[in-house]
C-alpha cells in the first residue's frame, strides 16, 4: 500500500494546495496531509484551526488523513510509515528551495523519497502569504481559497 505525506503550514489552505492534495490522493492509496508546527513563525490560524479547515476541505477524499508534526520532517515520515513526501512547485524559485530540502532529507534518510508535483497553471501565482495580504488589505480572495476559508479569513483579519 503506497502511503504519502504532504507537509505544509497551510495558513490558510488555498485552492493551489487542494489541487496538489486532490491529484496526490488520486495516485497514492493513503495520503497524510500534515500541518507543520514551526515555533519561529506566528501563523494567523492556530494549529487546531488549520487542521479543522483541512479536515473540512479534504473531506471529499476518503484516503486523506490530517495530522500535525513538529521537528524533522523525515523523522515524522518514518514514524508515520510514509516513504514518499509530495511537494508542490509553482515556479523555479520554489524548485531551488525544495530541491535543497529534498537533498537534505535524502541525506538524513534514504527510506523517504521526495516527489514534486507542478501546480495547475491557474494556481502558479498563489500562496498563503499572498492570500493573507489580500485579505488584510480588504481585497477579495474568492476563487483563491475554499468558501469556508474565505469566511474564516475575513473574520480573522477584519473582526467586527
C-alpha atoms as a PDB file:
ATOM      1  CA  UNK A   1       0.000   0.000   0.000  1.00  0.00           C
ATOM      2  CA  UNK A   2       1.515   3.309  -1.107  1.00  0.00           C
ATOM      3  CA  UNK A   3       1.400   5.935   1.640  1.00  0.00           C
ATOM      4  CA  UNK A   4       2.485   9.518   1.018  1.00  0.00           C
ATOM      5  CA  UNK A   5       2.751  12.739   3.018  1.00  0.00           C
ATOM      6  CA  UNK A   6       2.056  16.330   2.054  1.00  0.00           C
ATOM      7  CA  UNK A   7       3.502  18.646   4.705  1.00  0.00           C
ATOM      8  CA  UNK A   8       2.906  22.373   4.935  1.00  0.00           C
ATOM      9  CA  UNK A   9       1.920  25.295   7.092  1.00  0.00           C
ATOM     10  CA  UNK A  10      -1.485  25.650   5.364  1.00  0.00           C
ATOM     11  CA  UNK A  11      -2.022  29.126   6.863  1.00  0.00           C
ATOM     12  CA  UNK A  12      -4.537  29.100   5.266  1.00  0.00           C
ATOM     13  CA  UNK A  13      -5.089  26.228   2.851  1.00  0.00           C
ATOM     14  CA  UNK A  14      -5.523  27.565  -0.693  1.00  0.00           C
ATOM     15  CA  UNK A  15      -7.052  26.139  -3.843  1.00  0.00           C
ATOM     16  CA  UNK A  16      -3.474  25.550  -5.006  1.00  0.00           C
ATOM     17  CA  UNK A  17      -2.862  23.297  -2.004  1.00  0.00           C
ATOM     18  CA  UNK A  18      -6.112  21.467  -2.702  1.00  0.00           C
ATOM     19  CA  UNK A  19      -5.106  20.997  -6.342  1.00  0.00           C
ATOM     20  CA  UNK A  20      -1.955  19.151  -5.250  1.00  0.00           C
ATOM     21  CA  UNK A  21      -3.766  17.230  -2.480  1.00  0.00           C
ATOM     22  CA  UNK A  22      -6.524  16.072  -4.825  1.00  0.00           C
ATOM     23  CA  UNK A  23      -4.115  14.946  -7.521  1.00  0.00           C
ATOM     24  CA  UNK A  24      -1.905  13.139  -4.998  1.00  0.00           C
ATOM     25  CA  UNK A  25      -4.990  11.486  -3.466  1.00  0.00           C
ATOM     26  CA  UNK A  26      -5.649  10.007  -6.917  1.00  0.00           C
ATOM     27  CA  UNK A  27      -2.159   8.495  -7.053  1.00  0.00           C
ATOM     28  CA  UNK A  28      -1.497   7.215  -3.531  1.00  0.00           C
ATOM     29  CA  UNK A  29      -3.603   4.696  -1.601  1.00  0.00           C
ATOM     30  CA  UNK A  30      -3.259   6.699   1.575  1.00  0.00           C
ATOM     31  CA  UNK A  31      -2.333  10.370   1.838  1.00  0.00           C
ATOM     32  CA  UNK A  32      -1.390  12.097   5.079  1.00  0.00           C
ATOM     33  CA  UNK A  33      -1.681  15.898   4.939  1.00  0.00           C
ATOM     34  CA  UNK A  34       0.157  17.310   7.943  1.00  0.00           C
ATOM     35  CA  UNK A  35       0.419  20.780   9.375  1.00  0.00           C
ATOM     36  CA  UNK A  36       3.926  21.648  10.497  1.00  0.00           C
ATOM     37  CA  UNK A  37       4.271  23.386  13.823  1.00  0.00           C
ATOM     38  CA  UNK A  38       7.001  25.983  13.464  1.00  0.00           C
ATOM     39  CA  UNK A  39       7.522  27.899  16.700  1.00  0.00           C
ATOM     40  CA  UNK A  40       9.578  30.574  14.922  1.00  0.00           C
ATOM     41  CA  UNK A  41       6.531  31.659  12.866  1.00  0.00           C
ATOM     42  CA  UNK A  42       3.393  33.430  14.024  1.00  0.00           C
ATOM     43  CA  UNK A  43       0.579  31.898  11.978  1.00  0.00           C
ATOM     44  CA  UNK A  44      -2.745  33.666  11.516  1.00  0.00           C
ATOM     45  CA  UNK A  45      -4.688  30.472  12.257  1.00  0.00           C
ATOM     46  CA  UNK A  46      -3.914  28.203  15.209  1.00  0.00           C
ATOM     47  CA  UNK A  47      -2.689  24.682  14.589  1.00  0.00           C
ATOM     48  CA  UNK A  48      -6.097  23.333  15.600  1.00  0.00           C
ATOM     49  CA  UNK A  49      -7.901  25.735  13.242  1.00  0.00           C
ATOM     50  CA  UNK A  50      -5.654  24.792  10.328  1.00  0.00           C
ATOM     51  CA  UNK A  51      -6.248  21.092  10.965  1.00  0.00           C
ATOM     52  CA  UNK A  52     -10.018  21.640  11.184  1.00  0.00           C
ATOM     53  CA  UNK A  53     -10.002  23.650   7.944  1.00  0.00           C
ATOM     54  CA  UNK A  54      -8.002  20.902   6.235  1.00  0.00           C
ATOM     55  CA  UNK A  55     -10.396  18.200   7.504  1.00  0.00           C
ATOM     56  CA  UNK A  56     -13.326  20.146   6.068  1.00  0.00           C
ATOM     57  CA  UNK A  57     -11.537  20.985   2.805  1.00  0.00           C
ATOM     58  CA  UNK A  58     -10.317  17.415   2.234  1.00  0.00           C
ATOM     59  CA  UNK A  59     -13.492  15.571   3.270  1.00  0.00           C
ATOM     60  CA  UNK A  60     -14.192  14.678  -0.367  1.00  0.00           C
ATOM     61  CA  UNK A  61     -11.143  12.380  -0.472  1.00  0.00           C
ATOM     62  CA  UNK A  62     -11.675   9.260   1.635  1.00  0.00           C
ATOM     63  CA  UNK A  63      -8.000   8.282   1.524  1.00  0.00           C
ATOM     64  CA  UNK A  64      -6.784  11.594   3.018  1.00  0.00           C
ATOM     65  CA  UNK A  65      -5.947  11.897   6.705  1.00  0.00           C
ATOM     66  CA  UNK A  66      -4.985  15.088   8.525  1.00  0.00           C
ATOM     67  CA  UNK A  67      -2.144  15.277  11.047  1.00  0.00           C
ATOM     68  CA  UNK A  68       0.415  17.610  12.537  1.00  0.00           C
ATOM     69  CA  UNK A  69       4.093  17.438  13.326  1.00  0.00           C
ATOM     70  CA  UNK A  70       6.970  19.289  14.884  1.00  0.00           C
ATOM     71  CA  UNK A  71      10.632  18.678  14.270  1.00  0.00           C
ATOM     72  CA  UNK A  72      12.340  16.848  11.431  1.00  0.00           C
ATOM     73  CA  UNK A  73      10.011  16.020   8.571  1.00  0.00           C
ATOM     74  CA  UNK A  74      11.773  12.778   7.640  1.00  0.00           C
ATOM     75  CA  UNK A  75      11.621  11.575  11.246  1.00  0.00           C
ATOM     76  CA  UNK A  76       7.870  12.238  11.269  1.00  0.00           C
ATOM     77  CA  UNK A  77       7.532  10.471   7.904  1.00  0.00           C
ATOM     78  CA  UNK A  78       9.272   7.375   9.267  1.00  0.00           C
ATOM     79  CA  UNK A  79       7.113   7.440  12.428  1.00  0.00           C
ATOM     80  CA  UNK A  80       4.012   7.554  10.221  1.00  0.00           C
ATOM     81  CA  UNK A  81       5.293   4.729   7.983  1.00  0.00           C
ATOM     82  CA  UNK A  82       5.435   7.081   4.995  1.00  0.00           C
ATOM     83  CA  UNK A  83       8.046   6.626   2.291  1.00  0.00           C
ATOM     84  CA  UNK A  84       7.049   9.449  -0.072  1.00  0.00           C
ATOM     85  CA  UNK A  85       6.895  13.188   0.603  1.00  0.00           C
ATOM     86  CA  UNK A  86       4.910  15.111  -2.018  1.00  0.00           C
ATOM     87  CA  UNK A  87       5.805  18.751  -2.577  1.00  0.00           C
ATOM     88  CA  UNK A  88       4.030  21.178  -4.867  1.00  0.00           C
ATOM     89  CA  UNK A  89       6.012  23.502  -7.089  1.00  0.00           C
ATOM     90  CA  UNK A  90       4.794  26.777  -8.558  1.00  0.00           C
ATOM     91  CA  UNK A  91       7.917  28.321 -10.044  1.00  0.00           C
ATOM     92  CA  UNK A  92      11.652  27.881 -10.479  1.00  0.00           C
ATOM     93  CA  UNK A  93      12.222  29.729  -7.206  1.00  0.00           C
ATOM     94  CA  UNK A  94      10.203  27.034  -5.395  1.00  0.00           C
ATOM     95  CA  UNK A  95      12.282  24.344  -7.053  1.00  0.00           C
ATOM     96  CA  UNK A  96      15.595  25.675  -5.769  1.00  0.00           C
ATOM     97  CA  UNK A  97      14.439  25.650  -2.147  1.00  0.00           C
ATOM     98  CA  UNK A  98      12.546  22.352  -2.430  1.00  0.00           C
ATOM     99  CA  UNK A  99      15.457  20.665  -4.206  1.00  0.00           C
ATOM    100  CA  UNK A 100      17.788  21.671  -1.381  1.00  0.00           C
ATOM    101  CA  UNK A 101      15.345  20.356   1.240  1.00  0.00           C
ATOM    102  CA  UNK A 102      14.858  17.095  -0.677  1.00  0.00           C
ATOM    103  CA  UNK A 103      18.627  16.582  -0.843  1.00  0.00           C
ATOM    104  CA  UNK A 104      18.998  17.232   2.888  1.00  0.00           C
ATOM    105  CA  UNK A 105      16.119  14.878   3.669  1.00  0.00           C
ATOM    106  CA  UNK A 106      17.736  12.230   1.454  1.00  0.00           C
ATOM    107  CA  UNK A 107      20.967  12.707   3.384  1.00  0.00           C
ATOM    108  CA  UNK A 108      19.098  12.146   6.669  1.00  0.00           C
ATOM    109  CA  UNK A 109      17.315   9.013   5.450  1.00  0.00           C
ATOM    110  CA  UNK A 110      17.296   7.071   2.223  1.00  0.00           C
ATOM    111  CA  UNK A 111      13.989   5.444   3.185  1.00  0.00           C
ATOM    112  CA  UNK A 112      11.950   8.524   2.232  1.00  0.00           C
ATOM    113  CA  UNK A 113      11.729   9.896  -1.321  1.00  0.00           C
ATOM    114  CA  UNK A 114      10.528  13.347  -2.333  1.00  0.00           C
ATOM    115  CA  UNK A 115       8.193  13.642  -5.308  1.00  0.00           C
ATOM    116  CA  UNK A 116       7.499  17.025  -6.899  1.00  0.00           C
ATOM    117  CA  UNK A 117       4.164  17.937  -8.482  1.00  0.00           C
ATOM    118  CA  UNK A 118       3.696  21.040 -10.572  1.00  0.00           C
ATOM    119  CA  UNK A 119       0.675  23.029  -9.501  1.00  0.00           C
ATOM    120  CA  UNK A 120      -2.014  23.762 -12.055  1.00  0.00           C
ATOM    121  CA  UNK A 121      -1.216  26.890 -14.074  1.00  0.00           C
ATOM    122  CA  UNK A 122      -4.276  28.629 -12.641  1.00  0.00           C
ATOM    123  CA  UNK A 123      -2.614  28.441  -9.202  1.00  0.00           C
ATOM    124  CA  UNK A 124       1.009  29.168 -10.160  1.00  0.00           C
ATOM    125  CA  UNK A 125       0.860  32.656  -8.600  1.00  0.00           C
ATOM    126  CA  UNK A 126      -0.979  31.606  -5.440  1.00  0.00           C
ATOM    127  CA  UNK A 127       0.457  31.388  -1.924  1.00  0.00           C
ATOM    128  CA  UNK A 128      -0.962  31.567   1.585  1.00  0.00           C
ATOM    129  CA  UNK A 129       1.089  34.717   2.223  1.00  0.00           C
ATOM    130  CA  UNK A 130      -0.430  36.486  -0.789  1.00  0.00           C
ATOM    131  CA  UNK A 131      -3.935  35.382   0.215  1.00  0.00           C
ATOM    132  CA  UNK A 132      -3.464  36.771   3.737  1.00  0.00           C
ATOM    133  CA  UNK A 133      -2.102  40.059   2.394  1.00  0.00           C
ATOM    134  CA  UNK A 134      -5.048  40.483   0.013  1.00  0.00           C
ATOM    135  CA  UNK A 135      -7.477  39.765   2.861  1.00  0.00           C
ATOM    136  CA  UNK A 136      -5.696  42.155   5.252  1.00  0.00           C
ATOM    137  CA  UNK A 137      -5.937  44.924   2.650  1.00  0.00           C
ATOM    138  CA  UNK A 138      -9.667  44.306   2.175  1.00  0.00           C
ATOM    139  CA  UNK A 139      -9.456  42.584  -1.200  1.00  0.00           C
ATOM    140  CA  UNK A 140     -11.466  39.584  -2.307  1.00  0.00           C
ATOM    141  CA  UNK A 141      -9.924  36.112  -2.036  1.00  0.00           C
ATOM    142  CA  UNK A 142     -12.887  34.494  -3.781  1.00  0.00           C
ATOM    143  CA  UNK A 143     -11.682  31.678  -6.015  1.00  0.00           C
ATOM    144  CA  UNK A 144      -8.294  31.549  -4.266  1.00  0.00           C
ATOM    145  CA  UNK A 145      -9.449  29.584  -1.219  1.00  0.00           C
ATOM    146  CA  UNK A 146     -12.492  27.430  -0.391  1.00  0.00           C
ATOM    147  CA  UNK A 147     -15.587  29.442   0.597  1.00  0.00           C
ATOM    148  CA  UNK A 148     -15.390  28.478   4.283  1.00  0.00           C
ATOM    149  CA  UNK A 149     -11.740  29.566   4.365  1.00  0.00           C
ATOM    150  CA  UNK A 150     -12.724  32.867   2.777  1.00  0.00           C
ATOM    151  CA  UNK A 151     -15.263  33.406   5.585  1.00  0.00           C
ATOM    152  CA  UNK A 152     -12.821  32.420   8.337  1.00  0.00           C
ATOM    153  CA  UNK A 153     -10.099  34.593   6.841  1.00  0.00           C
ATOM    154  CA  UNK A 154     -12.380  37.614   6.706  1.00  0.00           C
ATOM    155  CA  UNK A 155     -13.320  37.048  10.385  1.00  0.00           C
ATOM    156  CA  UNK A 156      -9.636  36.856  11.365  1.00  0.00           C
ATOM    157  CA  UNK A 157      -8.374  39.941   9.548  1.00  0.00           C
ATOM    158  CA  UNK A 158     -11.483  42.135   9.743  1.00  0.00           C
ATOM    159  CA  UNK A 159     -13.197  41.281  13.043  1.00  0.00           C
ATOM    160  CA  UNK A 160     -16.455  43.085  13.796  1.00  0.00           C
END
